[in-house]
Amino acid sequence: MTNQFLSIALGLAAISFGIIGVMLAGAALWPDQAAQYRSHIGNVIFGLVLIVIAGIIIAVVR
């Protein structure tokens, strides 16, 4: 069960980084939308770090 949480956290991290990459690559096509979402990248990365840390703690405790 502990590996499930860690794999879910890593999966969410991969999806979120993929979305960030698409947003940054799409900045040339949709500059207004990219500027709007670019301000949220810091919060997304901070959330990913918290999810990975929580997954590691759960894996270590169990």
PDB file of N, CA and C in Angstrom:
ATOM      1  N   MET A   1       0.813  -1.188   0.000  1.00  0.00           N
ATOM      2  CA  MET A   1       0.000   0.000   0.000  1.00  0.00           C
ATOM      3  C   MET A   1       0.858   1.254   0.000  1.00  0.00           C
ATOM      4  N   THR A   2       2.007   1.200   0.641  1.00  0.00           N
ATOM      5  CA  THR A   2       2.865   2.388   0.696  1.00  0.00           C
ATOM      6  C   THR A   2       3.430   2.718  -0.676  1.00  0.00           C
ATOM      7  N   ASN A   3       3.743   1.692  -1.457  1.00  0.00           N
ATOM      8  CA  ASN A   3       4.253   1.945  -2.798  1.00  0.00           C
ATOM      9  C   ASN A   3       3.202   2.581  -3.679  1.00  0.00           C
ATOM     10  N   GLN A   4       1.930   2.308  -3.403  1.00  0.00           N
ATOM     11  CA  GLN A   4       0.855   2.908  -4.174  1.00  0.00           C
ATOM     12  C   GLN A   4       0.840   4.421  -3.983  1.00  0.00           C
ATOM     13  N   PHE A   5       0.997   4.880  -2.727  1.00  0.00           N
ATOM     14  CA  PHE A   5       0.993   6.311  -2.470  1.00  0.00           C
ATOM     15  C   PHE A   5       2.179   6.998  -3.141  1.00  0.00           C
ATOM     16  N   LEU A   6       3.321   6.365  -3.078  1.00  0.00           N
ATOM     17  CA  LEU A   6       4.505   6.947  -3.697  1.00  0.00           C
ATOM     18  C   LEU A   6       4.354   6.983  -5.213  1.00  0.00           C
ATOM     19  N   SER A   7       3.820   5.918  -5.795  1.00  0.00           N
ATOM     20  CA  SER A   7       3.637   5.919  -7.247  1.00  0.00           C
ATOM     21  C   SER A   7       2.564   6.912  -7.666  1.00  0.00           C
ATOM     22  N   ILE A   8       1.534   7.087  -6.854  1.00  0.00           N
ATOM     23  CA  ILE A   8       0.516   8.104  -7.155  1.00  0.00           C
ATOM     24  C   ILE A   8       1.131   9.490  -7.091  1.00  0.00           C
ATOM     25  N   ALA A   9       1.954   9.753  -6.084  1.00  0.00           N
ATOM     26  CA  ALA A   9       2.603  11.059  -5.955  1.00  0.00           C
ATOM     27  C   ALA A   9       3.533  11.325  -7.134  1.00  0.00           C
ATOM     28  N   LEU A  10       4.302  10.336  -7.529  1.00  0.00           N
ATOM     29  CA  LEU A  10       5.200  10.520  -8.666  1.00  0.00           C
ATOM     30  C   LEU A  10       4.417  10.679  -9.966  1.00  0.00           C
ATOM     31  N   GLY A  11       3.316   9.981 -10.092  1.00  0.00           N
ATOM     32  CA  GLY A  11       2.466  10.135 -11.268  1.00  0.00           C
ATOM     33  C   GLY A  11       1.858  11.526 -11.360  1.00  0.00           C
ATOM     34  N   LEU A  12       1.383  12.036 -10.214  1.00  0.00           N
ATOM     35  CA  LEU A  12       0.849  13.397 -10.202  1.00  0.00           C
ATOM     36  C   LEU A  12       1.933  14.419 -10.522  1.00  0.00           C
ATOM     37  N   ALA A  13       3.130  14.172 -10.030  1.00  0.00           N
ATOM     38  CA  ALA A  13       4.240  15.080 -10.331  1.00  0.00           C
ATOM     39  C   ALA A  13       4.553  15.073 -11.821  1.00  0.00           C
ATOM     40  N   ALA A  14       4.573  13.906 -12.433  1.00  0.00           N
ATOM     41  CA  ALA A  14       4.862  13.816 -13.863  1.00  0.00           C
ATOM     42  C   ALA A  14       3.784  14.516 -14.689  1.00  0.00           C
ATOM     43  N   ILE A  15       2.528  14.318 -14.323  1.00  0.00           N
ATOM     44  CA  ILE A  15       1.432  14.974 -15.041  1.00  0.00           C
ATOM     45  C   ILE A  15       1.516  16.484 -14.889  1.00  0.00           C
ATOM     46  N   SER A  16       1.797  16.944 -13.674  1.00  0.00           N
ATOM     47  CA  SER A  16       1.861  18.390 -13.445  1.00  0.00           C
ATOM     48  C   SER A  16       3.028  19.020 -14.191  1.00  0.00           C
ATOM     49  N   PHE A  17       4.188  18.360 -14.184  1.00  0.00           N
ATOM     50  CA  PHE A  17       5.316  18.904 -14.946  1.00  0.00           C
ATOM     51  C   PHE A  17       5.030  18.883 -16.440  1.00  0.00           C
ATOM     52  N   GLY A  18       4.300  17.879 -16.895  1.00  0.00           N
ATOM     53  CA  GLY A  18       3.904  17.847 -18.301  1.00  0.00           C
ATOM     54  C   GLY A  18       2.989  19.007 -18.652  1.00  0.00           C
ATOM     55  N   ILE A  19       2.053  19.308 -17.769  1.00  0.00           N
ATOM     56  CA  ILE A  19       1.149  20.436 -17.997  1.00  0.00           C
ATOM     57  C   ILE A  19       1.916  21.752 -17.990  1.00  0.00           C
ATOM     58  N   ILE A  20       2.885  21.878 -17.085  1.00  0.00           N
ATOM     59  CA  ILE A  20       3.712  23.089 -17.059  1.00  0.00           C
ATOM     60  C   ILE A  20       4.475  23.229 -18.371  1.00  0.00           C
ATOM     61  N   GLY A  21       5.016  22.137 -18.870  1.00  0.00           N
ATOM     62  CA  GLY A  21       5.745  22.179 -20.141  1.00  0.00           C
ATOM     63  C   GLY A  21       4.846  22.580 -21.297  1.00  0.00           C
ATOM     64  N   VAL A  22       3.625  22.059 -21.324  1.00  0.00           N
ATOM     65  CA  VAL A  22       2.681  22.423 -22.384  1.00  0.00           C
ATOM     66  C   VAL A  22       2.319  23.900 -22.295  1.00  0.00           C
ATOM     67  N   MET A  23       2.128  24.390 -21.068  1.00  0.00           N
ATOM     68  CA  MET A  23       1.799  25.817 -20.903  1.00  0.00           C
ATOM     69  C   MET A  23       2.939  26.699 -21.393  1.00  0.00           C
ATOM     70  N   LEU A  24       4.153  26.334 -21.060  1.00  0.00           N
ATOM     71  CA  LEU A  24       5.295  27.151 -21.477  1.00  0.00           C
ATOM     72  C   LEU A  24       5.527  27.047 -22.981  1.00  0.00           C
ATOM     73  N   ALA A  25       5.313  25.857 -23.556  1.00  0.00           N
ATOM     74  CA  ALA A  25       5.479  25.703 -25.000  1.00  0.00           C
ATOM     75  C   ALA A  25       4.366  26.418 -25.757  1.00  0.00           C
ATOM     76  N   GLY A  26       3.182  26.457 -25.179  1.00  0.00           N
ATOM     77  CA  GLY A  26       2.056  27.122 -25.820  1.00  0.00           C
ATOM     78  C   GLY A  26       2.055  28.622 -25.663  1.00  0.00           C
ATOM     79  N   ALA A  27       3.057  29.160 -24.999  1.00  0.00           N
ATOM     80  CA  ALA A  27       3.124  30.608 -24.782  1.00  0.00           C
ATOM     81  C   ALA A  27       3.206  31.370 -26.099  1.00  0.00           C
ATOM     82  N   ALA A  28       3.791  30.766 -27.112  1.00  0.00           N
ATOM     83  CA  ALA A  28       3.889  31.432 -28.414  1.00  0.00           C
ATOM     84  C   ALA A  28       2.531  31.490 -29.102  1.00  0.00           C
ATOM     85  N   LEU A  29       1.704  30.478 -28.892  1.00  0.00           N
ATOM     86  CA  LEU A  29       0.401  30.440 -29.550  1.00  0.00           C
ATOM     87  C   LEU A  29      -0.670  31.210 -28.792  1.00  0.00           C
ATOM     88  N   TRP A  30      -0.627  31.108 -27.473  1.00  0.00           N
ATOM     89  CA  TRP A  30      -1.630  31.761 -26.637  1.00  0.00           C
ATOM     90  C   TRP A  30      -0.944  32.577 -25.545  1.00  0.00           C
ATOM     91  N   PRO A  31      -0.426  33.761 -25.871  1.00  0.00           N
ATOM     92  CA  PRO A  31       0.340  34.535 -24.890  1.00  0.00           C
ATOM     93  C   PRO A  31      -0.488  35.016 -23.698  1.00  0.00           C
ATOM     94  N   ASP A  32      -1.766  35.307 -23.899  1.00  0.00           N
ATOM     95  CA  ASP A  32      -2.594  35.776 -22.781  1.00  0.00           C
ATOM     96  C   ASP A  32      -2.839  34.673 -21.762  1.00  0.00           C
ATOM     97  N   GLN A  33      -3.177  33.483 -22.256  1.00  0.00           N
ATOM     98  CA  GLN A  33      -3.396  32.359 -21.352  1.00  0.00           C
ATOM     99  C   GLN A  33      -2.111  31.955 -20.651  1.00  0.00           C
ATOM    100  N   ALA A  34      -0.991  31.991 -21.371  1.00  0.00           N
ATOM    101  CA  ALA A  34       0.291  31.619 -20.769  1.00  0.00           C
ATOM    102  C   ALA A  34       0.661  32.580 -19.651  1.00  0.00           C
ATOM    103  N   ALA A  35       0.420  33.853 -19.851  1.00  0.00           N
ATOM    104  CA  ALA A  35       0.726  34.833 -18.801  1.00  0.00           C
ATOM    105  C   ALA A  35      -0.150  34.608 -17.579  1.00  0.00           C
ATOM    106  N   GLN A  36      -1.384  34.214 -17.811  1.00  0.00           N
ATOM    107  CA  GLN A  36      -2.294  33.968 -16.693  1.00  0.00           C
ATOM    108  C   GLN A  36      -1.841  32.757 -15.872  1.00  0.00           C
ATOM    109  N   TYR A  37      -1.473  31.679 -16.545  1.00  0.00           N
ATOM    110  CA  TYR A  37      -1.105  30.451 -15.828  1.00  0.00           C
ATOM    111  C   TYR A  37       0.326  30.453 -15.333  1.00  0.00           C
ATOM    112  N   ARG A  38       1.172  31.276 -15.896  1.00  0.00           N
ATOM    113  CA  ARG A  38       2.572  31.319 -15.476  1.00  0.00           C
ATOM    114  C   ARG A  38       2.704  31.744 -14.013  1.00  0.00           C
ATOM    115  N   SER A  39       1.762  32.547 -13.548  1.00  0.00           N
ATOM    116  CA  SER A  39       1.811  32.984 -12.150  1.00  0.00           C
ATOM    117  C   SER A  39       1.519  31.839 -11.179  1.00  0.00           C
ATOM    118  N   HIS A  40       0.934  30.742 -11.661  1.00  0.00           N
ATOM    119  CA  HIS A  40       0.585  29.616 -10.791  1.00  0.00           C
ATOM    120  C   HIS A  40       1.659  28.533 -10.748  1.00  0.00           C
ATOM    121  N   ILE A  41       2.699  28.656 -11.541  1.00  0.00           N
ATOM    122  CA  ILE A  41       3.704  27.599 -11.619  1.00  0.00           C
ATOM    123  C   ILE A  41       4.404  27.390 -10.272  1.00  0.00           C
ATOM    124  N   GLY A  42       4.692  28.454  -9.558  1.00  0.00           N
ATOM    125  CA  GLY A  42       5.336  28.324  -8.239  1.00  0.00           C
ATOM    126  C   GLY A  42       4.482  27.529  -7.272  1.00  0.00           C
ATOM    127  N   ASN A  43       3.185  27.789  -7.253  1.00  0.00           N
ATOM    128  CA  ASN A  43       2.291  27.040  -6.371  1.00  0.00           C
ATOM    129  C   ASN A  43       2.208  25.574  -6.764  1.00  0.00           C
ATOM    130  N   VAL A  44       2.201  25.298  -8.062  1.00  0.00           N
ATOM    131  CA  VAL A  44       2.134  23.914  -8.528  1.00  0.00           C
ATOM    132  C   VAL A  44       3.387  23.150  -8.101  1.00  0.00           C
ATOM    133  N   ILE A  45       4.554  23.752  -8.285  1.00  0.00           N
ATOM    134  CA  ILE A  45       5.803  23.077  -7.911  1.00  0.00           C
ATOM    135  C   ILE A  45       5.872  22.869  -6.402  1.00  0.00           C
ATOM    136  N   PHE A  46       5.440  23.859  -5.617  1.00  0.00           N
ATOM    137  CA  PHE A  46       5.429  23.713  -4.165  1.00  0.00           C
ATOM    138  C   PHE A  46       4.483  22.575  -3.758  1.00  0.00           C
ATOM    139  N   GLY A  47       3.327  22.476  -4.399  1.00  0.00           N
ATOM    140  CA  GLY A  47       2.401  21.384  -4.114  1.00  0.00           C
ATOM    141  C   GLY A  47       2.984  20.033  -4.462  1.00  0.00           C
ATOM    142  N   LEU A  48       3.716  19.963  -5.581  1.00  0.00           N
ATOM    143  CA  LEU A  48       4.361  18.710  -5.971  1.00  0.00           C
ATOM    144  C   LEU A  48       5.398  18.272  -4.948  1.00  0.00           C
ATOM    145  N   VAL A  49       6.166  19.224  -4.464  1.00  0.00           N
ATOM    146  CA  VAL A  49       7.177  18.898  -3.449  1.00  0.00           C
ATOM    147  C   VAL A  49       6.500  18.352  -2.197  1.00  0.00           C
ATOM    148  N   LEU A  50       5.410  18.970  -1.775  1.00  0.00           N
ATOM    149  CA  LEU A  50       4.691  18.484  -0.595  1.00  0.00           C
ATOM    150  C   LEU A  50       4.114  17.089  -0.818  1.00  0.00           C
ATOM    151  N   ILE A  51       3.592  16.823  -1.999  1.00  0.00           N
ATOM    152  CA  ILE A  51       3.039  15.497  -2.290  1.00  0.00           C
ATOM    153  C   ILE A  51       4.130  14.438  -2.263  1.00  0.00           C
ATOM    154  N   VAL A  52       5.280  14.734  -2.853  1.00  0.00           N
ATOM    155  CA  VAL A  52       6.380  13.759  -2.875  1.00  0.00           C
ATOM    156  C   VAL A  52       6.909  13.528  -1.465  1.00  0.00           C
ATOM    157  N   ILE A  53       7.051  14.578  -0.677  1.00  0.00           N
ATOM    158  CA  ILE A  53       7.518  14.418   0.705  1.00  0.00           C
ATOM    159  C   ILE A  53       6.522  13.581   1.508  1.00  0.00           C
ATOM    160  N   ALA A  54       5.225  13.838   1.328  1.00  0.00           N
ATOM    161  CA  ALA A  54       4.219  13.050   2.039  1.00  0.00           C
ATOM    162  C   ALA A  54       4.278  11.587   1.616  1.00  0.00           C
ATOM    163  N   GLY A  55       4.477  11.331   0.339  1.00  0.00           N
ATOM    164  CA  GLY A  55       4.604   9.952  -0.136  1.00  0.00           C
ATOM    165  C   GLY A  55       5.810   9.254   0.440  1.00  0.00           C
ATOM    166  N   ILE A  56       6.919   9.956   0.541  1.00  0.00           N
ATOM    167  CA  ILE A  56       8.139   9.372   1.109  1.00  0.00           C
ATOM    168  C   ILE A  56       7.956   9.088   2.592  1.00  0.00           C
ATOM    169  N   ILE A  57       7.335  10.015   3.313  1.00  0.00           N
ATOM    170  CA  ILE A  57       7.090   9.790   4.747  1.00  0.00           C
ATOM    171  C   ILE A  57       6.195   8.587   4.950  1.00  0.00           C
ATOM    172  N   ILE A  58       5.150   8.463   4.146  1.00  0.00           N
ATOM    173  CA  ILE A  58       4.250   7.310   4.274  1.00  0.00           C
ATOM    174  C   ILE A  58       5.000   6.021   3.946  1.00  0.00           C
ATOM    175  N   ALA A  59       5.871   6.058   2.930  1.00  0.00           N
ATOM    176  CA  ALA A  59       6.633   4.857   2.559  1.00  0.00           C
ATOM    177  C   ALA A  59       7.605   4.460   3.661  1.00  0.00           C
ATOM    178  N   VAL A  60       8.207   5.430   4.322  1.00  0.00           N
ATOM    179  CA  VAL A  60       9.180   5.133   5.374  1.00  0.00           C
ATOM    180  C   VAL A  60       8.492   4.613   6.627  1.00  0.00           C
ATOM    181  N   VAL A  61       7.360   5.188   6.981  1.00  0.00           N
ATOM    182  CA  VAL A  61       6.656   4.798   8.207  1.00  0.00           C
ATOM    183  C   VAL A  61       6.118   3.387   8.103  1.00  0.00           C
ATOM    184  N   ARG A  62       5.647   3.017   6.940  1.00  0.00           N
ATOM    185  CA  ARG A  62       5.071   1.674   6.797  1.00  0.00           C
ATOM    186  C   ARG A  62       6.152   0.745   6.479  1.00  0.00           C
TER     187      ARG A  62
END
